C-alpha cells in the first residue's frame, strides 16, 4: 500500500490534532478533581464503551483476532495506562500550553526510534539537526522561567508520556495487525481495565464521586479527545510514514493553546511561546522533505 500523502494526509492530521489538542485543557481541568489513576481508568473505560457502541452500530465487531488482542495489550500499556496516568500528574504541575509544547517533541522521538527499529527510515543530516534544535526548544520552554511557577518535574513526566506514545507509534507501524477500530477498542479496554483496577486499589471508589460538570467534561474527553482521534490515528499510522503520522504533534499545540486560553484563561508567557516556536520549527525540519527528495522518494 502506498503511503498516504498530500491533501488526504493533511486533512487527517488537522482533524486528529484538533481533537487530541483539546485533551490537554480537558485533563488540566479534570486533574483538579480526579486522582491520576482514576482519571486514566475513567478515560479508558468511557472511550472503550464509545468505540464498542460505534462498532456494534456499524456491525464491525469482527476482526478481533488473537494478534489484535496481543497488539491491543501493548497499545493499552504504551498509549493508554502509562501516558493517561502521567499526563494528569504533569498537568497538576504545569499549564496546558507548555505541556502540549513539550509533547510536540513526539515526532523527534519517533524519528529517533524509527531510525533504530524501522527499515528505510534512517534520519538525514537535516533531520538530525532538527532533533537537536527541538530539544533546545524544550530547554527554552522549561528553563528561564518559561514555566512560571510550574515544576520541571511536570515537563519530565510529559516527556516520559511522549516516549511511551512514540513507542506505540513504532509498534503499530511494525506490527500492522488488525483493523484500526478493533485495535482502538482493544487498547481502550485494556487501558480502562488496568487503570481502573489500579484506581480502585490506590484511590478507592470514592474518587469517582464528582459533580455533574466533572462527569460531563470526562465524557467529552473520552469521546471527542480520546476515542475518535485514537481510531483515526491508528488508521493513519498504518497508512503513513512514521514521521508523517507523528506530525500530529506539530499541530496539536496550536489547538491546545487556543482552547486553554479561551476556556481556562491560561495565556502562555513569551518564553513558552518562543521555546515552543523553536520546538515546532525543529519538527518541521524533521518531518518535511525537500522538493527534490519528494519527487524521487
Protein backbone atom coordinates (compact mmCIF):
# COMPACT_ATOMS: atom_id res chain seq x y z
CA UNK A 1 0.00 0.00 0.00
CA UNK A 2 1.34 3.43 -0.98
CA UNK A 3 1.97 5.85 1.92
CA UNK A 4 -0.72 8.46 2.48
CA UNK A 5 0.39 11.90 1.24
CA UNK A 6 -0.93 15.30 0.10
CA UNK A 7 -4.33 16.73 0.98
CA UNK A 8 -5.68 13.43 2.31
CA UNK A 9 -2.79 13.26 4.79
CA UNK A 10 -3.20 16.88 5.93
CA UNK A 11 -6.97 16.62 6.44
CA UNK A 12 -6.44 13.67 8.75
CA UNK A 13 -3.58 15.36 10.57
CA UNK A 14 -5.54 18.56 11.27
CA UNK A 15 -8.65 16.67 12.43
CA UNK A 16 -6.70 14.42 14.78
CA UNK A 17 -4.60 17.32 16.09
CA UNK A 18 -7.65 19.44 16.85
CA UNK A 19 -9.38 16.65 18.77
CA UNK A 20 -6.28 15.46 20.61
CA UNK A 21 -5.21 19.04 21.28
CA UNK A 22 -8.37 19.54 23.31
CA UNK A 23 -7.22 16.75 25.65
CA UNK A 24 -4.64 18.92 27.42
CA UNK A 25 -7.01 21.61 28.74
CA UNK A 26 -9.64 18.95 29.46
CA UNK A 27 -7.18 16.89 31.51
CA UNK A 28 -5.88 20.05 33.17
CA UNK A 29 -9.44 20.78 34.34
CA UNK A 30 -10.16 17.22 35.46
CA UNK A 31 -6.83 16.79 37.25
CA UNK A 32 -8.06 19.25 39.87
CA UNK A 33 -10.85 16.80 40.78
CA UNK A 34 -9.72 13.27 39.94
CA UNK A 35 -6.55 11.40 41.01
CA UNK A 36 -4.34 10.29 38.07
CA UNK A 37 -5.23 6.59 38.17
CA UNK A 38 -8.94 7.33 38.49
CA UNK A 39 -8.80 9.77 35.57
CA UNK A 40 -6.84 7.30 33.44
CA UNK A 41 -9.27 4.48 34.23
CA UNK A 42 -12.32 6.64 33.60
CA UNK A 43 -10.90 7.90 30.32
CA UNK A 44 -10.10 4.40 29.08
CA UNK A 45 -13.37 2.81 30.21
CA UNK A 46 -15.63 5.52 28.75
CA UNK A 47 -13.67 5.54 25.49
CA UNK A 48 -13.92 1.74 25.25
CA UNK A 49 -17.71 1.93 25.65
CA UNK A 50 -17.92 4.59 22.92
CA UNK A 51 -15.78 2.58 20.48
CA UNK A 52 -17.74 -0.60 21.25
CA UNK A 53 -21.09 1.10 20.57
CA UNK A 54 -19.70 2.59 17.36
CA UNK A 55 -18.52 -0.80 16.11
CA UNK A 56 -21.73 -2.52 17.20
CA UNK A 57 -23.84 0.06 15.36
CA UNK A 58 -21.75 -0.41 12.21
CA UNK A 59 -21.68 -4.20 12.67
CA UNK A 60 -17.88 -4.18 12.65
CA UNK A 61 -17.19 -6.04 15.87
CA UNK A 62 -15.48 -8.79 13.88
CA UNK A 63 -11.77 -8.83 13.23
CA UNK A 64 -10.84 -9.15 16.89
CA UNK A 65 -8.26 -11.88 16.40
CA UNK A 66 -5.56 -13.22 18.68
CA UNK A 67 -2.99 -10.92 17.09
CA UNK A 68 -5.31 -7.95 17.67
CA UNK A 69 -5.57 -8.88 21.34
CA UNK A 70 -1.77 -9.05 21.69
CA UNK A 71 -1.31 -5.71 19.91
CA UNK A 72 -4.11 -4.20 21.99
CA UNK A 73 -2.36 -5.25 25.19
CA UNK A 74 0.83 -3.49 24.10
CA UNK A 75 -1.04 -0.39 22.92
CA UNK A 76 -3.17 -0.38 26.05
CA UNK A 77 0.00 -0.01 28.10
CA UNK A 78 2.02 2.31 25.82
CA UNK A 79 -0.80 4.57 24.59
CA UNK A 80 -3.20 4.05 27.47
CA UNK A 81 -2.18 3.25 31.02
CA UNK A 82 1.25 4.91 31.01
CA UNK A 83 0.53 8.26 29.29
CA UNK A 84 -3.02 8.55 30.64
CA UNK A 85 -1.56 8.37 34.15
CA UNK A 86 1.50 10.54 33.55
CA UNK A 87 -0.36 13.37 31.80
CA UNK A 88 -2.70 14.19 34.73
CA UNK A 89 0.28 14.06 37.06
CA UNK A 90 2.11 16.53 34.81
CA UNK A 91 -0.90 18.80 34.36
CA UNK A 92 -1.25 19.10 38.11
CA UNK A 93 2.15 20.81 37.94
CA UNK A 94 2.03 22.86 34.72
CA UNK A 95 -0.42 24.59 32.40
CA UNK A 96 -1.86 23.04 29.24
CA UNK A 97 0.02 25.16 26.67
CA UNK A 98 3.60 24.41 27.81
CA UNK A 99 2.64 20.77 28.38
CA UNK A 100 1.43 20.45 24.79
CA UNK A 101 4.56 22.19 23.51
CA UNK A 102 6.82 19.77 25.37
CA UNK A 103 4.84 16.86 23.94
CA UNK A 104 5.31 18.38 20.48
CA UNK A 105 8.73 16.73 20.65
CA UNK A 106 6.92 13.48 19.83
CA UNK A 107 7.97 13.47 16.14
CA UNK A 108 11.59 13.94 17.17
CA UNK A 109 11.45 10.92 19.46
CA UNK A 110 9.54 8.90 16.85
CA UNK A 111 12.20 9.74 14.26
CA UNK A 112 14.99 8.53 16.53
CA UNK A 113 13.12 5.32 17.38
CA UNK A 114 12.21 4.75 13.72
CA UNK A 115 15.89 5.00 12.77
CA UNK A 116 16.66 2.27 15.30
CA UNK A 117 13.67 -0.01 14.78
CA UNK A 118 12.26 0.52 11.26
CA UNK A 119 13.90 -0.30 7.95
CA UNK A 120 14.31 2.50 5.43
CA UNK A 121 13.78 5.38 7.88
CA UNK A 122 17.38 6.43 8.54
CA UNK A 123 17.46 10.11 9.57
CA UNK A 124 19.22 12.57 7.25
CA UNK A 125 21.63 15.27 8.50
CA UNK A 126 18.73 17.74 8.18
CA UNK A 127 16.58 15.57 10.44
CA UNK A 128 19.35 15.15 12.99
CA UNK A 129 19.84 18.93 13.07
CA UNK A 130 16.12 19.35 13.64
CA UNK A 131 16.19 16.86 16.52
CA UNK A 132 18.98 18.79 18.23
CA UNK A 133 17.12 22.07 17.71
CA UNK A 134 13.96 20.54 19.12
CA UNK A 135 15.50 19.57 22.41
CA UNK A 136 16.98 23.06 22.64
CA UNK A 137 13.43 24.39 22.27
CA UNK A 138 12.23 22.16 25.09
CA UNK A 139 15.01 23.51 27.28
CA UNK A 140 13.76 27.04 26.50
CA UNK A 141 10.18 26.10 27.41
CA UNK A 142 11.23 24.51 30.68
CA UNK A 143 14.04 26.86 31.66
CA UNK A 144 14.47 30.60 32.06
CA UNK A 145 11.19 30.91 33.92
CA UNK A 146 9.25 29.67 30.90
CA UNK A 147 7.02 27.55 33.08
CA UNK A 148 6.37 30.23 35.66
CA UNK A 149 5.74 28.54 38.98
CA UNK A 150 5.33 25.09 37.50
CA UNK A 151 7.78 22.33 38.26
CA UNK A 152 10.26 20.99 35.73
CA UNK A 153 9.10 17.63 37.06
CA UNK A 154 5.93 18.16 35.03
CA UNK A 155 7.98 18.51 31.84
CA UNK A 156 9.83 15.28 32.62
CA UNK A 157 6.51 13.49 33.10
CA UNK A 158 5.30 14.85 29.75
CA UNK A 159 8.49 13.62 28.05
CA UNK A 160 8.02 10.17 29.61
CA UNK A 161 4.43 10.05 28.32
CA UNK A 162 5.63 11.24 24.90
CA UNK A 163 8.24 8.50 24.76
CA UNK A 164 5.54 5.94 25.54
CA UNK A 165 3.33 7.32 22.75
CA UNK A 166 6.30 7.20 20.36
CA UNK A 167 6.91 3.54 21.18
CA UNK A 168 3.25 2.80 20.43
CA UNK A 169 3.54 4.54 17.04
CA UNK A 170 6.54 2.40 16.15
CA UNK A 171 4.80 -0.74 17.40
CA UNK A 172 1.73 -0.13 15.21
CA UNK A 173 3.98 0.60 12.24
CA UNK A 174 5.89 -2.66 12.75
CA UNK A 175 3.01 -4.88 13.81
CA UNK A 176 0.35 -3.61 11.39
CA UNK A 177 -2.05 -6.27 12.63
CA UNK A 178 -5.80 -5.86 12.56
CA UNK A 179 -8.23 -3.07 11.66
CA UNK A 180 -7.79 0.31 13.34
CA UNK A 181 -11.21 0.26 15.02
CA UNK A 182 -10.61 -3.15 16.60
CA UNK A 183 -7.24 -2.00 17.88
CA UNK A 184 -8.79 1.17 19.29
CA UNK A 185 -11.39 -0.88 21.15
CA UNK A 186 -8.80 -3.30 22.49
CA UNK A 187 -6.45 -0.52 23.55
CA UNK A 188 -9.11 1.42 25.45
CA UNK A 189 -10.49 -1.74 27.07
CA UNK A 190 -7.02 -2.70 28.31
CA UNK A 191 -6.37 0.86 29.47
CA UNK A 192 -9.70 1.10 31.27
CA UNK A 193 -9.39 -2.29 32.98
CA UNK A 194 -5.79 -1.90 34.14
CA UNK A 195 -6.02 1.77 35.14
CA UNK A 196 -9.42 1.23 36.75
CA UNK A 197 -8.07 -1.66 38.81
CA UNK A 198 -5.14 0.47 39.96
CA UNK A 199 -7.52 3.31 40.82
CA UNK A 200 -9.69 1.06 42.98
CA UNK A 201 -6.65 -0.22 44.84
CA UNK A 202 -4.96 3.18 45.28
CA UNK A 203 -7.82 5.71 45.40
CA UNK A 204 -10.90 3.68 46.25
CA UNK A 205 -14.38 4.06 44.70
CA UNK A 206 -14.90 7.39 46.49
CA UNK A 207 -12.67 9.10 43.90
CA UNK A 208 -15.50 8.76 41.36
CA UNK A 209 -17.97 10.76 43.47
CA UNK A 210 -17.77 14.00 41.50
CA UNK A 211 -20.06 16.90 40.49
CA UNK A 212 -22.08 16.55 37.25
CA UNK A 213 -19.87 19.01 35.35
CA UNK A 214 -16.83 16.84 36.03
CA UNK A 215 -18.58 13.84 34.51
CA UNK A 216 -19.65 15.96 31.53
CA UNK A 217 -16.07 17.05 30.86
CA UNK A 218 -14.89 13.46 31.33
CA UNK A 219 -17.36 12.33 28.65
CA UNK A 220 -16.10 14.97 26.25
CA UNK A 221 -12.52 13.86 26.95
CA UNK A 222 -13.34 10.17 26.44
CA UNK A 223 -15.37 10.60 23.25
CA UNK A 224 -14.01 13.55 21.31
CA UNK A 225 -10.45 13.78 22.65
CA UNK A 226 -9.72 10.06 23.02
CA UNK A 227 -11.90 7.50 21.21
CA UNK A 228 -12.42 9.40 17.95
CA UNK A 229 -8.87 10.71 17.39
CA UNK A 230 -7.33 7.43 18.52
CA UNK A 231 -9.30 5.45 15.94
CA UNK A 232 -8.35 7.96 13.25
CA UNK A 233 -4.70 7.95 14.30
CA UNK A 234 -4.31 4.18 14.31
CA UNK A 235 -5.64 4.13 10.76
CA UNK A 236 -3.26 6.93 9.82
CA UNK A 237 -0.25 5.22 11.41
CA UNK A 238 -0.86 2.16 9.25
CA UNK A 239 -1.04 4.21 6.02
CA UNK A 240 1.57 6.94 6.51
CA UNK A 241 5.28 7.09 7.26
CA UNK A 242 6.04 7.08 10.97
CA UNK A 243 7.46 10.62 10.77
CA UNK A 244 4.41 11.86 8.81
CA UNK A 245 1.86 10.40 11.22
CA UNK A 246 3.80 11.92 14.12
CA UNK A 247 3.22 15.40 12.61
CA UNK A 248 0.05 15.42 14.69
CA UNK A 249 2.37 16.54 17.46
CA UNK A 250 3.37 19.56 15.34
CA UNK A 251 -0.22 20.79 15.01
CA UNK A 252 -1.65 19.73 18.36
CA UNK A 253 -0.12 22.54 20.49
CA UNK A 254 -1.86 25.22 18.41
CA UNK A 255 -5.26 23.84 19.35
CA UNK A 256 -4.25 23.09 22.95
CA UNK A 257 -3.02 26.65 23.47
CA UNK A 258 -6.10 28.26 21.90
CA UNK A 259 -8.57 26.13 23.90
CA UNK A 260 -6.67 26.58 27.17
CA UNK A 261 -6.55 30.36 26.67
CA UNK A 262 -10.25 30.64 25.76
CA UNK A 263 -11.62 28.19 28.35
CA UNK A 264 -9.17 28.18 31.26
CA UNK A 265 -7.68 31.64 30.81
CA UNK A 266 -4.18 30.17 30.59
CA UNK A 267 -2.28 32.53 28.30
CA UNK A 268 1.31 31.28 27.82
CA UNK A 269 4.27 33.54 28.60
CA UNK A 270 6.53 34.80 25.83
CA UNK A 271 9.24 32.36 26.93
CA UNK A 272 6.89 29.44 26.44
CA UNK A 273 5.80 30.76 23.03
CA UNK A 274 9.42 31.33 21.95
CA UNK A 275 10.55 27.90 23.09
CA UNK A 276 7.50 26.32 21.52
CA UNK A 277 8.28 28.06 18.25
CA UNK A 278 11.75 26.52 18.28
CA UNK A 279 10.27 23.07 19.00
CA UNK A 280 7.74 23.35 16.17
CA UNK A 281 10.39 24.65 13.76
CA UNK A 282 12.53 21.64 14.60
CA UNK A 283 9.60 19.30 13.98
CA UNK A 284 9.10 20.93 10.58
CA UNK A 285 12.78 20.31 9.76
CA UNK A 286 12.48 16.68 10.77
CA UNK A 287 9.17 15.83 9.11
CA UNK A 288 9.28 17.91 5.93
CA UNK A 289 11.11 16.72 2.88
CA UNK A 290 12.96 18.84 0.29
CA UNK A 291 11.16 19.03 -3.05
CA UNK A 292 13.85 17.14 -4.87
CA UNK A 293 13.69 14.29 -2.36
CA UNK A 294 9.89 14.28 -2.57
CA UNK A 295 9.91 13.87 -6.37
CA UNK A 296 12.34 10.99 -6.29
CA UNK A 297 11.23 9.44 -2.97
